[in-house]
PDB file of N, CA and C in Angstrom:
ATOM      1  N   MET A   1       0.820  -1.180   0.000  1.00  0.00           N
ATOM      2  CA  MET A   1       0.000   0.000   0.000  1.00  0.00           C
ATOM      3  C   MET A   1       0.875   1.259   0.000  1.00  0.00           C
ATOM      4  N   ILE A   2       1.845   1.310   0.909  1.00  0.00           N
ATOM      5  CA  ILE A   2       2.733   2.467   0.985  1.00  0.00           C
ATOM      6  C   ILE A   2       3.612   2.538  -0.262  1.00  0.00           C
ATOM      7  N   VAL A   3       4.042   1.382  -0.742  1.00  0.00           N
ATOM      8  CA  VAL A   3       4.898   1.351  -1.919  1.00  0.00           C
ATOM      9  C   VAL A   3       4.157   1.889  -3.132  1.00  0.00           C
ATOM     10  N   ASP A   4       2.870   1.583  -3.259  1.00  0.00           N
ATOM     11  CA  ASP A   4       2.074   2.086  -4.377  1.00  0.00           C
ATOM     12  C   ASP A   4       2.020   3.614  -4.373  1.00  0.00           C
ATOM     13  N   LYS A   5       1.901   4.213  -3.203  1.00  0.00           N
ATOM     14  CA  LYS A   5       1.860   5.673  -3.107  1.00  0.00           C
ATOM     15  C   LYS A   5       3.212   6.280  -3.453  1.00  0.00           C
ATOM     16  N   LEU A   6       4.291   5.630  -3.056  1.00  0.00           N
ATOM     17  CA  LEU A   6       5.628   6.140  -3.356  1.00  0.00           C
ATOM     18  C   LEU A   6       5.909   6.097  -4.848  1.00  0.00           C
ATOM     19  N   ILE A   7       5.476   5.049  -5.515  1.00  0.00           N
ATOM     20  CA  ILE A   7       5.697   4.945  -6.963  1.00  0.00           C
ATOM     21  C   ILE A   7       4.944   6.049  -7.685  1.00  0.00           C
ATOM     22  N   GLY A   8       3.700   6.280  -7.286  1.00  0.00           N
ATOM     23  CA  GLY A   8       2.909   7.351  -7.902  1.00  0.00           C
ATOM     24  C   GLY A   8       3.527   8.715  -7.701  1.00  0.00           C
ATOM     25  N   ASP A   9       4.025   8.964  -6.499  1.00  0.00           N
ATOM     26  CA  ASP A   9       4.659  10.252  -6.211  1.00  0.00           C
ATOM     27  C   ASP A   9       5.943  10.441  -7.005  1.00  0.00           C
ATOM     28  N   SER A  10       6.727   9.366  -7.147  1.00  0.00           N
ATOM     29  CA  SER A  10       7.985   9.495  -7.888  1.00  0.00           C
ATOM     30  C   SER A  10       7.719   9.721  -9.378  1.00  0.00           C
ATOM     31  N   ILE A  11       6.697   9.081  -9.928  1.00  0.00           N
ATOM     32  CA  ILE A  11       6.346   9.302 -11.336  1.00  0.00           C
ATOM     33  C   ILE A  11       5.842  10.725 -11.527  1.00  0.00           C
ATOM     34  N   LYS A  12       5.024  11.204 -10.603  1.00  0.00           N
ATOM     35  CA  LYS A  12       4.524  12.577 -10.668  1.00  0.00           C
ATOM     36  C   LYS A  12       5.680  13.576 -10.608  1.00  0.00           C
ATOM     37  N   SER A  13       6.675  13.294  -9.777  1.00  0.00           N
ATOM     38  CA  SER A  13       7.839  14.164  -9.637  1.00  0.00           C
ATOM     39  C   SER A  13       8.644  14.228 -10.934  1.00  0.00           C
ATOM     40  N   ILE A  14       8.788  13.100 -11.601  1.00  0.00           N
ATOM     41  CA  ILE A  14       9.532  13.070 -12.866  1.00  0.00           C
ATOM     42  C   ILE A  14       8.846  13.933 -13.909  1.00  0.00           C
ATOM     43  N   PHE A  15       7.527  13.783 -14.058  1.00  0.00           N
ATOM     44  CA  PHE A  15       6.803  14.573 -15.050  1.00  0.00           C
ATOM     45  C   PHE A  15       6.781  16.057 -14.684  1.00  0.00           C
ATOM     46  N   GLN A  16       6.720  16.370 -13.391  1.00  0.00           N
ATOM     47  CA  GLN A  16       6.740  17.768 -12.961  1.00  0.00           C
ATOM     48  C   GLN A  16       8.067  18.420 -13.305  1.00  0.00           C
ATOM     49  N   SER A  17       9.178  17.706 -13.103  1.00  0.00           N
ATOM     50  CA  SER A  17      10.478  18.286 -13.415  1.00  0.00           C
ATOM     51  C   SER A  17      10.645  18.480 -14.921  1.00  0.00           C
ATOM     52  N   GLU A  18      10.079  17.576 -15.736  1.00  0.00           N
ATOM     53  CA  GLU A  18      10.127  17.751 -17.188  1.00  0.00           C
ATOM     54  C   GLU A  18       9.323  18.981 -17.607  1.00  0.00           C
ATOM     55  N   ARG A  19       8.141  19.159 -17.016  1.00  0.00           N
ATOM     56  CA  ARG A  19       7.331  20.341 -17.328  1.00  0.00           C
ATOM     57  C   ARG A  19       8.048  21.622 -16.919  1.00  0.00           C
ATOM     58  N   ASP A  20       8.715  21.593 -15.762  1.00  0.00           N
ATOM     59  CA  ASP A  20       9.451  22.766 -15.295  1.00  0.00           C
ATOM     60  C   ASP A  20      10.599  23.108 -16.239  1.00  0.00           C
ATOM     61  N   ARG A  21      11.317  22.105 -16.706  1.00  0.00           N
ATOM     62  CA  ARG A  21      12.422  22.346 -17.637  1.00  0.00           C
ATOM     63  C   ARG A  21      11.921  22.946 -18.944  1.00  0.00           C
ATOM     64  N   LEU A  22      10.828  22.419 -19.484  1.00  0.00           N
ATOM     65  CA  LEU A  22      10.265  22.966 -20.720  1.00  0.00           C
ATOM     66  C   LEU A  22       9.811  24.408 -20.526  1.00  0.00           C
ATOM     67  N   ARG A  23       9.145  24.682 -19.402  1.00  0.00           N
ATOM     68  CA  ARG A  23       8.690  26.046 -19.146  1.00  0.00           C
ATOM     69  C   ARG A  23       9.868  26.992 -18.982  1.00  0.00           C
ATOM     70  N   ASN A  24      10.912  26.559 -18.290  1.00  0.00           N
ATOM     71  CA  ASN A  24      12.081  27.414 -18.095  1.00  0.00           C
ATOM     72  C   ASN A  24      12.798  27.685 -19.407  1.00  0.00           C
ATOM     73  N   ALA A  25      12.857  26.699 -20.292  1.00  0.00           N
ATOM     74  CA  ALA A  25      13.526  26.892 -21.576  1.00  0.00           C
ATOM     75  C   ALA A  25      12.734  27.830 -22.486  1.00  0.00           C
ATOM     76  N   ASP A  26      11.399  27.733 -22.446  1.00  0.00           N
ATOM     77  CA  ASP A  26      10.560  28.543 -23.328  1.00  0.00           C
ATOM     78  C   ASP A  26      10.235  29.915 -22.758  1.00  0.00           C
ATOM     79  N   HIS A  27      10.053  29.989 -21.446  1.00  0.00           N
ATOM     80  CA  HIS A  27       9.653  31.251 -20.801  1.00  0.00           C
ATOM     81  C   HIS A  27      10.518  31.528 -19.582  1.00  0.00           C
ATOM     82  N   PRO A  28      11.789  31.865 -19.768  1.00  0.00           N
ATOM     83  CA  PRO A  28      12.659  32.107 -18.601  1.00  0.00           C
ATOM     84  C   PRO A  28      12.299  33.378 -17.842  1.00  0.00           C
ATOM     85  N   GLU A  29      11.516  34.256 -18.439  1.00  0.00           N
ATOM     86  CA  GLU A  29      11.133  35.485 -17.739  1.00  0.00           C
ATOM     87  C   GLU A  29      10.157  35.199 -16.603  1.00  0.00           C
ATOM     88  N   MET A  30       9.563  34.002 -16.561  1.00  0.00           N
ATOM     89  CA  MET A  30       8.625  33.647 -15.504  1.00  0.00           C
ATOM     90  C   MET A  30       9.332  33.152 -14.243  1.00  0.00           C
ATOM     91  N   MET A  31      10.642  32.921 -14.332  1.00  0.00           N
ATOM     92  CA  MET A  31      11.396  32.407 -13.191  1.00  0.00           C
ATOM     93  C   MET A  31      11.677  33.509 -12.187  1.00  0.00           C
ATOM     94  N   ARG A  32      11.989  33.098 -10.964  1.00  0.00           N
ATOM     95  CA  ARG A  32      12.425  34.050  -9.945  1.00  0.00           C
ATOM     96  C   ARG A  32      13.894  33.880  -9.732  1.00  0.00           C
ATOM     97  N   PRO A  33      14.674  34.879  -9.513  1.00  0.00           N
ATOM     98  CA  PRO A  33      14.337  36.293  -9.636  1.00  0.00           C
ATOM     99  C   PRO A  33      14.134  36.664 -11.093  1.00  0.00           C
ATOM    100  N   LYS A  34      13.343  37.685 -11.307  1.00  0.00           N
ATOM    101  CA  LYS A  34      13.000  38.088 -12.672  1.00  0.00           C
ATOM    102  C   LYS A  34      14.213  38.706 -13.347  1.00  0.00           C
ATOM    103  N   ASN A  35      14.829  37.957 -14.228  1.00  0.00           N
ATOM    104  CA  ASN A  35      15.955  38.444 -15.012  1.00  0.00           C
ATOM    105  C   ASN A  35      15.509  38.612 -16.448  1.00  0.00           C
ATOM    106  N   ASN A  36      16.250  39.372 -17.188  1.00  0.00           N
ATOM    107  CA  ASN A  36      15.925  39.581 -18.596  1.00  0.00           C
ATOM    108  C   ASN A  36      16.573  38.490 -19.434  1.00  0.00           C
ATOM    109  N   ARG A  37      16.080  37.281 -19.313  1.00  0.00           N
ATOM    110  CA  ARG A  37      16.604  36.158 -20.088  1.00  0.00           C
ATOM    111  C   ARG A  37      15.733  35.933 -21.303  1.00  0.00           C
ATOM    112  N   LYS A  38      16.362  35.459 -22.354  1.00  0.00           N
ATOM    113  CA  LYS A  38      15.641  35.129 -23.580  1.00  0.00           C
ATOM    114  C   LYS A  38      15.420  33.625 -23.624  1.00  0.00           C
ATOM    115  N   PRO A  39      14.390  33.169 -24.329  1.00  0.00           N
ATOM    116  CA  PRO A  39      14.173  31.726 -24.464  1.00  0.00           C
ATOM    117  C   PRO A  39      15.360  31.053 -25.144  1.00  0.00           C
ATOM    118  N   LEU A  40      15.653  29.827 -24.727  1.00  0.00           N
ATOM    119  CA  LEU A  40      16.774  29.084 -25.307  1.00  0.00           C
ATOM    120  C   LEU A  40      16.397  28.546 -26.677  1.00  0.00           C
ATOM    121  N   LYS A  41      17.383  28.512 -27.563  1.00  0.00           N
ATOM    122  CA  LYS A  41      17.163  28.009 -28.916  1.00  0.00           C
ATOM    123  C   LYS A  41      18.296  27.087 -29.304  1.00  0.00           C
ATOM    124  N   GLY A  42      18.015  26.171 -30.202  1.00  0.00           N
ATOM    125  CA  GLY A  42      19.034  25.326 -30.804  1.00  0.00           C
ATOM    126  C   GLY A  42      19.741  24.405 -29.829  1.00  0.00           C
ATOM    127  N   ILE A  43      21.061  24.405 -29.913  1.00  0.00           N
ATOM    128  CA  ILE A  43      21.883  23.497 -29.115  1.00  0.00           C
ATOM    129  C   ILE A  43      21.777  23.827 -27.631  1.00  0.00           C
ATOM    130  N   ALA A  44      21.650  25.107 -27.286  1.00  0.00           N
ATOM    131  CA  ALA A  44      21.524  25.491 -25.882  1.00  0.00           C
ATOM    132  C   ALA A  44      20.261  24.878 -25.273  1.00  0.00           C
ATOM    133  N   ARG A  45      19.183  24.878 -26.024  1.00  0.00           N
ATOM    134  CA  ARG A  45      17.928  24.288 -25.551  1.00  0.00           C
ATOM    135  C   ARG A  45      18.070  22.782 -25.362  1.00  0.00           C
ATOM    136  N   MET A  46      18.704  22.108 -26.324  1.00  0.00           N
ATOM    137  CA  MET A  46      18.890  20.657 -26.218  1.00  0.00           C
ATOM    138  C   MET A  46      19.753  20.297 -25.012  1.00  0.00           C
ATOM    139  N   LEU A  47      20.836  21.049 -24.804  1.00  0.00           N
ATOM    140  CA  LEU A  47      21.712  20.778 -23.663  1.00  0.00           C
ATOM    141  C   LEU A  47      20.972  20.946 -22.343  1.00  0.00           C
ATOM    142  N   TYR A  48      20.151  21.982 -22.237  1.00  0.00           N
ATOM    143  CA  TYR A  48      19.421  22.237 -20.994  1.00  0.00           C
ATOM    144  C   TYR A  48      18.345  21.172 -20.759  1.00  0.00           C
ATOM    145  N   LEU A  49      17.582  20.832 -21.788  1.00  0.00           N
ATOM    146  CA  LEU A  49      16.500  19.870 -21.612  1.00  0.00           C
ATOM    147  C   LEU A  49      17.018  18.471 -21.297  1.00  0.00           C
ATOM    148  N   GLU A  50      18.216  18.131 -21.771  1.00  0.00           N
ATOM    149  CA  GLU A  50      18.791  16.825 -21.459  1.00  0.00           C
ATOM    150  C   GLU A  50      19.512  16.817 -20.117  1.00  0.00           C
ATOM    151  N   GLY A  51      19.627  17.973 -19.478  1.00  0.00           N
ATOM    152  CA  GLY A  51      20.248  18.049 -18.164  1.00  0.00           C
ATOM    153  C   GLY A  51      21.763  18.095 -18.212  1.00  0.00           C
ATOM    154  N   LYS A  52      22.336  18.389 -19.368  1.00  0.00           N
ATOM    155  CA  LYS A  52      23.788  18.447 -19.490  1.00  0.00           C
ATOM    156  C   LYS A  52      24.341  19.817 -19.133  1.00  0.00           C
ATOM    157  N   ALA A  53      23.458  20.818 -18.998  1.00  0.00           N
ATOM    158  CA  ALA A  53      23.896  22.170 -18.648  1.00  0.00           C
ATOM    159  C   ALA A  53      22.803  22.847 -17.829  1.00  0.00           C
ATOM    160  N   LYS A  54      23.207  23.725 -16.942  1.00  0.00           N
ATOM    161  CA  LYS A  54      22.259  24.531 -16.171  1.00  0.00           C
ATOM    162  C   LYS A  54      21.705  25.625 -17.077  1.00  0.00           C
ATOM    163  N   LEU A  55      20.591  26.209 -16.667  1.00  0.00           N
ATOM    164  CA  LEU A  55      19.925  27.216 -17.487  1.00  0.00           C
ATOM    165  C   LEU A  55      20.820  28.417 -17.753  1.00  0.00           C
ATOM    166  N   ASN A  56      21.520  28.906 -16.728  1.00  0.00           N
ATOM    167  CA  ASN A  56      22.335  30.105 -16.915  1.00  0.00           C
ATOM    168  C   ASN A  56      23.651  29.819 -17.627  1.00  0.00           C
ATOM    169  N   LYS A  57      24.047  28.550 -17.791  1.00  0.00           N
ATOM    170  CA  LYS A  57      25.286  28.208 -18.481  1.00  0.00           C
ATOM    171  C   LYS A  57      25.047  27.648 -19.884  1.00  0.00           C
ATOM    172  N   ALA A  58      23.818  27.303 -20.221  1.00  0.00           N
ATOM    173  CA  ALA A  58      23.523  26.630 -21.487  1.00  0.00           C
ATOM    174  C   ALA A  58      23.870  27.507 -22.691  1.00  0.00           C
ATOM    175  N   GLU A  59      23.532  28.778 -22.641  1.00  0.00           N
ATOM    176  CA  GLU A  59      23.809  29.670 -23.769  1.00  0.00           C
ATOM    177  C   GLU A  59      25.310  29.849 -23.975  1.00  0.00           C
ATOM    178  N   MET A  60      26.053  29.971 -22.877  1.00  0.00           N
ATOM    179  CA  MET A  60      27.495  30.122 -22.979  1.00  0.00           C
ATOM    180  C   MET A  60      28.123  28.856 -23.567  1.00  0.00           C
ATOM    181  N   LEU A  61      27.686  27.696 -23.112  1.00  0.00           N
ATOM    182  CA  LEU A  61      28.220  26.436 -23.633  1.00  0.00           C
ATOM    183  C   LEU A  61      27.904  26.264 -25.115  1.00  0.00           C
ATOM    184  N   ALA A  62      26.722  26.685 -25.528  1.00  0.00           N
ATOM    185  CA  ALA A  62      26.337  26.534 -26.924  1.00  0.00           C
ATOM    186  C   ALA A  62      27.189  27.418 -27.833  1.00  0.00           C
ATOM    187  N   SER A  63      27.621  28.553 -27.320  1.00  0.00           N
ATOM    188  CA  SER A  63      28.414  29.459 -28.153  1.00  0.00           C
ATOM    189  C   SER A  63      29.876  29.026 -28.241  1.00  0.00           C
ATOM    190  N   THR A  64      30.317  28.165 -27.333  1.00  0.00           N
ATOM    191  CA  THR A  64      31.687  27.667 -27.387  1.00  0.00           C
ATOM    192  C   THR A  64      31.712  26.307 -28.080  1.00  0.00           C
ATOM    193  N   GLY A  65      32.866  25.796 -28.316  1.00  0.00           N
ATOM    194  CA  GLY A  65      33.000  24.497 -28.962  1.00  0.00           C
ATOM    195  C   GLY A  65      32.775  23.331 -28.029  1.00  0.00           C
ATOM    196  N   LEU A  66      32.662  23.592 -26.723  1.00  0.00           N
ATOM    197  CA  LEU A  66      32.461  22.510 -25.762  1.00  0.00           C
ATOM    198  C   LEU A  66      31.124  21.816 -25.948  1.00  0.00           C
ATOM    199  N   SER A  67      30.123  22.545 -26.404  1.00  0.00           N
ATOM    200  CA  SER A  67      28.799  21.941 -26.545  1.00  0.00           C
ATOM    201  C   SER A  67      28.768  20.906 -27.657  1.00  0.00           C
ATOM    202  N   LEU A  68      29.597  21.071 -28.660  1.00  0.00           N
ATOM    203  CA  LEU A  68      29.594  20.121 -29.764  1.00  0.00           C
ATOM    204  C   LEU A  68      30.108  18.758 -29.336  1.00  0.00           C
ATOM    205  N   SER A  69      30.960  18.728 -28.315  1.00  0.00           N
ATOM    206  CA  SER A  69      31.432  17.439 -27.823  1.00  0.00           C
ATOM    207  C   SER A  69      30.365  16.750 -26.976  1.00  0.00           C
ATOM    208  N   ASN A  70      29.418  17.505 -26.425  1.00  0.00           N
ATOM    209  CA  ASN A  70      28.355  16.928 -25.611  1.00  0.00           C
ATOM    210  C   ASN A  70      27.147  16.499 -26.428  1.00  0.00           C
ATOM    211  N   LYS A  71      26.939  17.091 -27.569  1.00  0.00           N
ATOM    212  CA  LYS A  71      25.713  16.852 -28.322  1.00  0.00           C
ATOM    213  C   LYS A  71      26.012  16.694 -29.793  1.00  0.00           C
ATOM    214  N   LYS A  72      25.469  15.664 -30.389  1.00  0.00           N
ATOM    215  CA  LYS A  72      25.548  15.505 -31.830  1.00  0.00           C
ATOM    216  C   LYS A  72      24.238  15.992 -32.422  1.00  0.00           C
ATOM    217  N   VAL A  73      24.321  16.961 -33.286  1.00  0.00           N
ATOM    218  CA  VAL A  73      23.138  17.532 -33.897  1.00  0.00           C
ATOM    219  C   VAL A  73      22.832  16.747 -35.164  1.00  0.00           C
ATOM    220  N   PRO A  74      21.592  16.252 -35.299  1.00  0.00           N
ATOM    221  CA  PRO A  74      21.257  15.496 -36.499  1.00  0.00           C
ATOM    222  C   PRO A  74      21.264  16.390 -37.734  1.00  0.00           C
ATOM    223  N   ILE A  75      21.795  15.869 -38.819  1.00  0.00           N
ATOM    224  CA  ILE A  75      21.869  16.610 -40.074  1.00  0.00           C
ATOM    225  C   ILE A  75      20.669  16.229 -40.921  1.00  0.00           C
ATOM    226  N   VAL A  76      19.901  17.225 -41.326  1.00  0.00           N
ATOM    227  CA  VAL A  76      18.729  16.984 -42.149  1.00  0.00           C
ATOM    228  C   VAL A  76      19.106  17.300 -43.580  1.00  0.00           C
ATOM    229  N   LYS A  77      18.973  16.302 -44.434  1.00  0.00           N
ATOM    230  CA  LYS A  77      19.295  16.489 -45.850  1.00  0.00           C
ATOM    231  C   LYS A  77      18.016  16.667 -46.633  1.00  0.00           C
ATOM    232  N   ASP A  78      18.010  17.681 -47.483  1.00  0.00           N
ATOM    233  CA  ASP A  78      16.846  17.935 -48.342  1.00  0.00           C
ATOM    234  C   ASP A  78      17.104  17.309 -49.697  1.00  0.00           C
ATOM    235  N   ASP A  79      16.181  16.456 -50.134  1.00  0.00           N
ATOM    236  CA  ASP A  79      16.278  15.863 -51.464  1.00  0.00           C
ATOM    237  C   ASP A  79      15.583  16.780 -52.449  1.00  0.00           C
ATOM    238  N   GLU A  80      16.366  17.383 -53.324  1.00  0.00           N
ATOM    239  CA  GLU A  80      15.805  18.303 -54.307  1.00  0.00           C
ATOM    240  C   GLU A  80      15.667  17.632 -55.663  1.00  0.00           C
ATOM    241  N   SER A  81      15.729  16.302 -55.702  1.00  0.00           N
ATOM    242  CA  SER A  81      15.622  15.613 -56.981  1.00  0.00           C
ATOM    243  C   SER A  81      14.208  15.306 -57.340  1.00  0.00           C
TER     244      SER A  81
END
């Protein structure tokens, strides 16, 4: 009985942290303290959502070459034939 409640709480916690990460990446102005942050884009967003970088360090890592060693970006090829 107690174990069933713990499993439910841990699953709820996992989904809550995922929702928080998505909200922080898309709307960082809603965080406290209110800083003038812009939404994350590209590699910085991927690094933050995967937990490889903190929110305030993700943009800096994406602009340096260190992020490329942490993340492989898929190459999309357009067939123009």
